[in-house]
């Protein structure tokens, strides 16, 4: 028989209502992730990696922020927009998406 631990949820029946409300507030804050705060050096590094991957047609793994969460995509750089500071990625599933540079958390080749 396998035991399924529900974490801190199992203790809420023993807590005061005020404590349950506070715990739910904490969970909500944890679920709402914030976009990464990039400095200019990180941004320059990402531009360098993206440019090199575009020129050599190398696939990348990109972790980026979208809709209050971090997502990951594996794919190739298709295009670059200096005006909007975004890169267009074609994923391994043939999906195409524009990703703002300021929303990129990590890039690996």
C-alpha atoms as a PDB file:
ATOM      1  CA  UNK A   1       0.000   0.000   0.000  1.00  0.00           C
ATOM      2  CA  UNK A   2       1.357   3.398  -1.001  1.00  0.00           C
ATOM      3  CA  UNK A   3       1.036   6.382   1.347  1.00  0.00           C
ATOM      4  CA  UNK A   4       0.194   9.692  -0.338  1.00  0.00           C
ATOM      5  CA  UNK A   5       1.388  12.697   1.655  1.00  0.00           C
ATOM      6  CA  UNK A   6      -0.619  15.871   1.040  1.00  0.00           C
ATOM      7  CA  UNK A   7       2.001  18.159   2.568  1.00  0.00           C
ATOM      8  CA  UNK A   8       0.719  21.094   4.595  1.00  0.00           C
ATOM      9  CA  UNK A   9      -2.869  20.576   3.372  1.00  0.00           C
ATOM     10  CA  UNK A  10      -3.355  17.714   5.840  1.00  0.00           C
ATOM     11  CA  UNK A  11      -2.864  20.065   8.806  1.00  0.00           C
ATOM     12  CA  UNK A  12      -5.443  22.691   7.794  1.00  0.00           C
ATOM     13  CA  UNK A  13      -8.278  20.862   9.553  1.00  0.00           C
ATOM     14  CA  UNK A  14      -6.439  21.373  12.852  1.00  0.00           C
ATOM     15  CA  UNK A  15      -5.695  25.076  12.329  1.00  0.00           C
ATOM     16  CA  UNK A  16      -7.573  28.192  13.288  1.00  0.00           C
ATOM     17  CA  UNK A  17      -9.435  29.826  10.378  1.00  0.00           C
ATOM     18  CA  UNK A  18      -7.039  32.795  10.478  1.00  0.00           C
ATOM     19  CA  UNK A  19      -4.087  30.451  10.053  1.00  0.00           C
ATOM     20  CA  UNK A  20      -5.762  28.663   7.141  1.00  0.00           C
ATOM     21  CA  UNK A  21      -6.339  32.037   5.429  1.00  0.00           C
ATOM     22  CA  UNK A  22      -2.698  33.013   5.968  1.00  0.00           C
ATOM     23  CA  UNK A  23      -1.526  29.681   4.575  1.00  0.00           C
ATOM     24  CA  UNK A  24      -3.711  30.103   1.480  1.00  0.00           C
ATOM     25  CA  UNK A  25      -2.250  33.594   0.967  1.00  0.00           C
ATOM     26  CA  UNK A  26       1.257  32.102   1.076  1.00  0.00           C
ATOM     27  CA  UNK A  27       0.306  29.447  -1.490  1.00  0.00           C
ATOM     28  CA  UNK A  28      -1.135  32.087  -3.807  1.00  0.00           C
ATOM     29  CA  UNK A  29       2.034  34.203  -3.612  1.00  0.00           C
ATOM     30  CA  UNK A  30       4.134  31.124  -4.405  1.00  0.00           C
ATOM     31  CA  UNK A  31       1.965  30.310  -7.426  1.00  0.00           C
ATOM     32  CA  UNK A  32       2.239  33.828  -8.885  1.00  0.00           C
ATOM     33  CA  UNK A  33       5.802  33.886 -10.140  1.00  0.00           C
ATOM     34  CA  UNK A  34       7.434  37.107 -11.223  1.00  0.00           C
ATOM     35  CA  UNK A  35       9.384  37.744 -14.432  1.00  0.00           C
ATOM     36  CA  UNK A  36      13.164  37.590 -14.095  1.00  0.00           C
ATOM     37  CA  UNK A  37      15.060  40.770 -13.316  1.00  0.00           C
ATOM     38  CA  UNK A  38      17.881  40.853 -15.872  1.00  0.00           C
ATOM     39  CA  UNK A  39      20.781  43.239 -15.756  1.00  0.00           C
ATOM     40  CA  UNK A  40      22.446  44.518 -18.928  1.00  0.00           C
ATOM     41  CA  UNK A  41      25.277  41.991 -18.675  1.00  0.00           C
ATOM     42  CA  UNK A  42      22.873  39.029 -18.637  1.00  0.00           C
ATOM     43  CA  UNK A  43      20.890  40.532 -21.505  1.00  0.00           C
ATOM     44  CA  UNK A  44      24.077  40.952 -23.568  1.00  0.00           C
ATOM     45  CA  UNK A  45      25.029  37.342 -22.833  1.00  0.00           C
ATOM     46  CA  UNK A  46      21.612  36.083 -23.979  1.00  0.00           C
ATOM     47  CA  UNK A  47      21.865  38.136 -27.169  1.00  0.00           C
ATOM     48  CA  UNK A  48      25.302  36.623 -27.823  1.00  0.00           C
ATOM     49  CA  UNK A  49      24.066  33.053 -27.272  1.00  0.00           C
ATOM     50  CA  UNK A  50      20.961  33.594 -29.418  1.00  0.00           C
ATOM     51  CA  UNK A  51      22.991  35.168 -32.232  1.00  0.00           C
ATOM     52  CA  UNK A  52      25.501  32.323 -32.211  1.00  0.00           C
ATOM     53  CA  UNK A  53      22.712  29.714 -32.209  1.00  0.00           C
ATOM     54  CA  UNK A  54      21.016  31.508 -35.123  1.00  0.00           C
ATOM     55  CA  UNK A  55      24.213  31.638 -37.192  1.00  0.00           C
ATOM     56  CA  UNK A  56      25.149  27.990 -36.539  1.00  0.00           C
ATOM     57  CA  UNK A  57      21.562  26.636 -36.586  1.00  0.00           C
ATOM     58  CA  UNK A  58      22.049  25.060 -33.154  1.00  0.00           C
ATOM     59  CA  UNK A  59      19.042  24.103 -30.993  1.00  0.00           C
ATOM     60  CA  UNK A  60      18.591  25.770 -27.617  1.00  0.00           C
ATOM     61  CA  UNK A  61      16.729  25.076 -24.385  1.00  0.00           C
ATOM     62  CA  UNK A  62      15.097  28.301 -23.184  1.00  0.00           C
ATOM     63  CA  UNK A  63      13.342  28.858 -19.868  1.00  0.00           C
ATOM     64  CA  UNK A  64      11.133  31.952 -19.998  1.00  0.00           C
ATOM     65  CA  UNK A  65       8.329  33.727 -18.169  1.00  0.00           C
ATOM     66  CA  UNK A  66       4.799  33.802 -19.568  1.00  0.00           C
ATOM     67  CA  UNK A  67       1.401  34.191 -17.886  1.00  0.00           C
ATOM     68  CA  UNK A  68       2.590  34.099 -14.247  1.00  0.00           C
ATOM     69  CA  UNK A  69       4.735  30.984 -14.670  1.00  0.00           C
ATOM     70  CA  UNK A  70       8.010  29.796 -16.114  1.00  0.00           C
ATOM     71  CA  UNK A  71       7.887  27.656 -19.241  1.00  0.00           C
ATOM     72  CA  UNK A  72      10.543  25.811 -21.193  1.00  0.00           C
ATOM     73  CA  UNK A  73      11.002  25.299 -24.915  1.00  0.00           C
ATOM     74  CA  UNK A  74      13.519  23.393 -27.008  1.00  0.00           C
ATOM     75  CA  UNK A  75      14.014  24.791 -30.477  1.00  0.00           C
ATOM     76  CA  UNK A  76      15.817  26.958 -33.000  1.00  0.00           C
ATOM     77  CA  UNK A  77      16.076  30.718 -33.429  1.00  0.00           C
ATOM     78  CA  UNK A  78      14.079  31.799 -36.510  1.00  0.00           C
ATOM     79  CA  UNK A  79      14.067  35.563 -36.282  1.00  0.00           C
ATOM     80  CA  UNK A  80      15.034  38.518 -34.165  1.00  0.00           C
ATOM     81  CA  UNK A  81      13.307  41.864 -33.665  1.00  0.00           C
ATOM     82  CA  UNK A  82      15.428  44.754 -32.445  1.00  0.00           C
ATOM     83  CA  UNK A  83      12.342  46.977 -32.219  1.00  0.00           C
ATOM     84  CA  UNK A  84      10.458  44.768 -29.765  1.00  0.00           C
ATOM     85  CA  UNK A  85      13.562  43.137 -28.231  1.00  0.00           C
ATOM     86  CA  UNK A  86      12.118  39.670 -28.869  1.00  0.00           C
ATOM     87  CA  UNK A  87      13.278  36.454 -30.452  1.00  0.00           C
ATOM     88  CA  UNK A  88      11.165  34.050 -32.499  1.00  0.00           C
ATOM     89  CA  UNK A  89      11.677  30.382 -31.656  1.00  0.00           C
ATOM     90  CA  UNK A  90      10.556  27.303 -33.566  1.00  0.00           C
ATOM     91  CA  UNK A  91      10.099  24.484 -31.104  1.00  0.00           C
ATOM     92  CA  UNK A  92      10.796  20.821 -31.757  1.00  0.00           C
ATOM     93  CA  UNK A  93       6.987  20.450 -32.069  1.00  0.00           C
ATOM     94  CA  UNK A  94       7.018  22.971 -34.977  1.00  0.00           C
ATOM     95  CA  UNK A  95       5.284  25.627 -32.853  1.00  0.00           C
ATOM     96  CA  UNK A  96       6.533  29.184 -33.376  1.00  0.00           C
ATOM     97  CA  UNK A  97       6.539  31.788 -30.649  1.00  0.00           C
ATOM     98  CA  UNK A  98       7.936  35.248 -29.968  1.00  0.00           C
ATOM     99  CA  UNK A  99       9.711  35.489 -26.615  1.00  0.00           C
ATOM    100  CA  UNK A 100      10.685  38.901 -25.190  1.00  0.00           C
ATOM    101  CA  UNK A 101      14.353  38.943 -24.171  1.00  0.00           C
ATOM    102  CA  UNK A 102      13.540  40.416 -20.770  1.00  0.00           C
ATOM    103  CA  UNK A 103      11.384  37.338 -19.997  1.00  0.00           C
ATOM    104  CA  UNK A 104      14.170  34.820 -20.563  1.00  0.00           C
ATOM    105  CA  UNK A 105      15.398  33.220 -17.362  1.00  0.00           C
ATOM    106  CA  UNK A 106      17.952  30.761 -18.764  1.00  0.00           C
ATOM    107  CA  UNK A 107      19.405  29.581 -22.078  1.00  0.00           C
ATOM    108  CA  UNK A 108      21.430  26.428 -22.614  1.00  0.00           C
ATOM    109  CA  UNK A 109      22.745  24.997 -25.856  1.00  0.00           C
END
